[in-house]
Amino acid sequence: MMNKKSRAIVLLALFALAGCEKKVIAEGAKTAPPVRTYAVVARIDKKGTNSASEGTALLKGTYDEGTKVLVYSLEYHDVVPQLITLRSGAKGSSGLFIKEVYSKDKVPDGRDIAGSFSLTPLQERSLLKGQWFVAVNTLLMSPEISGYLTLKQQ
């Protein structure tokens, strides 16, 4: 027969083993966060640069967290772009260069601008935080018009 001290030790050992078992089960039950797809839109105009330009542009696209690919198309009106870039940064800053979307030197007639590219983890983080913008540079101003990308979960 066991005395009270032995019983207490056995009970403590059982509780300790049961507690360890629960931790292993809980760790195995973790699930990955859901993979989301976003609709991406940027309305590009003089508000982003405080210019007097009448030019406008519209970027539309999608971003998929699973593939890390941003697909976009861009149309512009009443402006003659020399260079269109995607940049990341705070409002009022020149931002960090991300991607060249259009260059007059490479594509003389750029009315149909479209493309896609894969993002790095740092680029994805700044995109999802709403820090990306489009800058449209012309011979007159650099940039003449700009606008931030907004994301809406699909």
Protein backbone atom coordinates (compact mmCIF):
# COMPACT_ATOMS: atom_id res chain seq x y z
CA MET A 1 0.00 0.00 0.00
CA MET A 2 1.04 3.54 -0.71
CA ASN A 3 1.20 6.18 1.90
CA LYS A 4 -0.18 9.70 1.43
CA LYS A 5 3.18 11.07 0.34
CA SER A 6 3.60 8.44 -2.39
CA ARG A 7 0.07 9.02 -3.65
CA ALA A 8 0.68 12.77 -3.85
CA ILE A 9 3.89 12.24 -5.85
CA VAL A 10 2.14 9.84 -8.25
CA LEU A 11 -0.76 12.30 -8.73
CA LEU A 12 1.65 15.20 -9.39
CA ALA A 13 3.52 13.09 -11.95
CA LEU A 14 0.25 12.21 -13.72
CA PHE A 15 -0.82 15.86 -13.81
CA ALA A 16 2.57 16.87 -15.19
CA LEU A 17 2.39 14.23 -17.93
CA ALA A 18 -1.17 15.18 -18.81
CA GLY A 19 -0.14 18.86 -19.00
CA CYS A 20 2.71 18.07 -21.40
CA GLU A 21 0.40 16.04 -23.60
CA LYS A 22 -2.05 18.94 -23.92
CA LYS A 23 0.73 21.30 -25.02
CA VAL A 24 1.78 18.97 -27.81
CA ILE A 25 -1.82 18.65 -29.00
CA ALA A 26 -2.33 22.42 -28.86
CA GLU A 27 0.84 23.07 -30.88
CA GLY A 28 -0.23 20.61 -33.56
CA ALA A 29 -3.65 22.27 -33.84
CA LYS A 30 -2.26 25.58 -35.14
CA THR A 31 -3.54 26.52 -38.58
CA ALA A 32 -2.03 28.72 -41.23
CA PRO A 33 -3.60 32.15 -41.74
CA PRO A 34 -5.97 32.40 -44.70
CA VAL A 35 -4.51 33.37 -48.07
CA ARG A 36 -6.24 36.47 -49.38
CA THR A 37 -6.71 38.05 -52.78
CA TYR A 38 -7.08 41.82 -53.09
CA ALA A 39 -8.47 44.17 -55.73
CA VAL A 40 -5.94 46.98 -56.22
CA VAL A 41 -6.89 50.47 -57.44
CA ALA A 42 -5.00 53.78 -57.69
CA ARG A 43 -6.62 57.03 -58.82
CA ILE A 44 -3.75 59.16 -60.04
CA ASP A 45 -4.12 62.93 -60.40
CA LYS A 46 -2.76 66.34 -59.36
CA LYS A 47 -3.87 65.94 -55.71
CA GLY A 48 -0.87 63.74 -55.00
CA THR A 49 1.62 66.34 -56.27
CA ASN A 50 -0.14 69.72 -55.82
CA SER A 51 0.41 70.51 -59.50
CA ALA A 52 -1.91 72.27 -61.93
CA SER A 53 -1.96 69.26 -64.28
CA GLU A 54 -5.22 68.17 -65.88
CA GLY A 55 -3.80 64.69 -66.41
CA THR A 56 -5.31 61.63 -64.78
CA ALA A 57 -4.54 57.94 -64.70
CA LEU A 58 -6.13 54.83 -63.26
CA LEU A 59 -4.33 51.67 -62.17
CA LYS A 60 -6.40 48.52 -61.63
CA GLY A 61 -5.20 45.10 -60.65
CA THR A 62 -5.14 42.22 -58.21
CA TYR A 63 -2.72 40.94 -55.60
CA ASP A 64 -2.66 37.32 -54.42
CA GLU A 65 -0.96 36.53 -51.08
CA GLY A 66 -0.54 32.88 -52.11
CA THR A 67 1.44 33.51 -55.28
CA LYS A 68 2.85 36.92 -54.17
CA VAL A 69 2.05 38.27 -57.66
CA LEU A 70 0.67 41.74 -58.42
CA VAL A 71 -1.14 41.96 -61.78
CA TYR A 72 -1.97 45.46 -63.05
CA SER A 73 -3.17 47.56 -65.95
CA LEU A 74 -2.91 51.34 -66.26
CA GLU A 75 -4.64 53.93 -68.43
CA TYR A 76 -3.78 57.63 -68.58
CA HIS A 77 -5.44 60.72 -70.09
CA ASP A 78 -4.41 64.35 -70.77
CA VAL A 79 -0.79 63.71 -69.85
CA VAL A 80 2.29 62.64 -71.85
CA PRO A 81 4.31 60.43 -69.51
CA GLN A 82 8.03 59.91 -69.89
CA LEU A 83 8.29 57.48 -66.97
CA ILE A 84 5.73 55.76 -64.73
CA THR A 85 6.95 54.03 -61.58
CA LEU A 86 5.62 52.26 -58.53
CA ARG A 87 7.12 53.61 -55.33
CA SER A 88 6.76 53.03 -51.60
CA GLY A 89 6.78 55.75 -48.98
CA ALA A 90 4.96 58.27 -46.84
CA LYS A 91 2.78 60.97 -48.38
CA GLY A 92 4.83 63.89 -49.60
CA SER A 93 8.01 61.84 -49.99
CA SER A 94 9.69 60.79 -53.22
CA GLY A 95 9.47 57.22 -51.93
CA LEU A 96 11.60 54.17 -52.60
CA PHE A 97 11.67 52.84 -56.16
CA ILE A 98 9.84 49.50 -56.57
CA LYS A 99 9.18 48.96 -60.27
CA GLU A 100 9.23 50.78 -63.57
CA VAL A 101 5.79 50.39 -65.15
CA TYR A 102 6.40 52.43 -68.32
CA SER A 103 9.25 54.29 -70.01
CA LYS A 104 8.83 56.30 -73.21
CA ASP A 105 12.36 55.24 -74.22
CA LYS A 106 11.37 51.55 -74.12
CA VAL A 107 7.74 51.71 -75.34
CA PRO A 108 6.97 54.83 -77.45
CA ASP A 109 3.18 54.30 -77.50
CA GLY A 110 2.23 53.26 -73.99
CA ARG A 111 -1.56 53.57 -74.05
CA ASP A 112 -2.02 49.90 -73.05
CA ILE A 113 0.18 49.47 -70.01
CA ALA A 114 -0.15 46.12 -68.27
CA GLY A 115 2.05 43.66 -66.47
CA SER A 116 2.71 41.55 -63.42
CA PHE A 117 5.56 40.82 -61.06
CA SER A 118 6.35 38.90 -57.87
CA LEU A 119 6.82 40.77 -54.62
CA THR A 120 9.46 40.24 -51.96
CA PRO A 121 8.26 39.87 -48.35
CA LEU A 122 9.27 43.49 -47.60
CA GLN A 123 7.42 44.78 -50.67
CA GLU A 124 4.33 42.77 -49.71
CA ARG A 125 4.36 44.22 -46.20
CA SER A 126 4.56 47.82 -47.45
CA LEU A 127 1.85 47.19 -50.09
CA LEU A 128 -0.54 45.74 -47.51
CA LYS A 129 0.16 48.72 -45.21
CA GLY A 130 -1.00 51.06 -48.00
CA GLN A 131 2.39 52.68 -48.62
CA TRP A 132 2.62 52.18 -52.39
CA PHE A 133 1.93 54.91 -54.93
CA VAL A 134 2.19 55.50 -58.66
CA ALA A 135 4.30 58.42 -59.88
CA VAL A 136 3.81 59.72 -63.44
CA ASN A 137 6.78 61.81 -64.60
CA THR A 138 6.60 64.13 -67.62
CA LEU A 139 9.03 66.50 -69.28
CA LEU A 140 7.48 69.34 -67.24
CA MET A 141 7.43 67.79 -63.76
CA SER A 142 8.75 64.80 -61.92
CA PRO A 143 6.20 63.59 -60.84
CA GLU A 144 3.38 65.55 -62.47
CA ILE A 145 0.61 63.34 -61.07
CA SER A 146 0.56 60.57 -58.49
CA GLY A 147 -1.80 58.47 -56.42
CA TYR A 148 -1.75 55.80 -53.69
CA LEU A 149 -2.78 52.20 -54.24
CA THR A 150 -5.75 51.04 -52.20
CA LEU A 151 -6.52 47.38 -51.53
CA LYS A 152 -9.89 45.75 -50.99
CA GLN A 153 -10.11 42.13 -49.92
CA GLN A 154 -12.04 40.00 -52.40
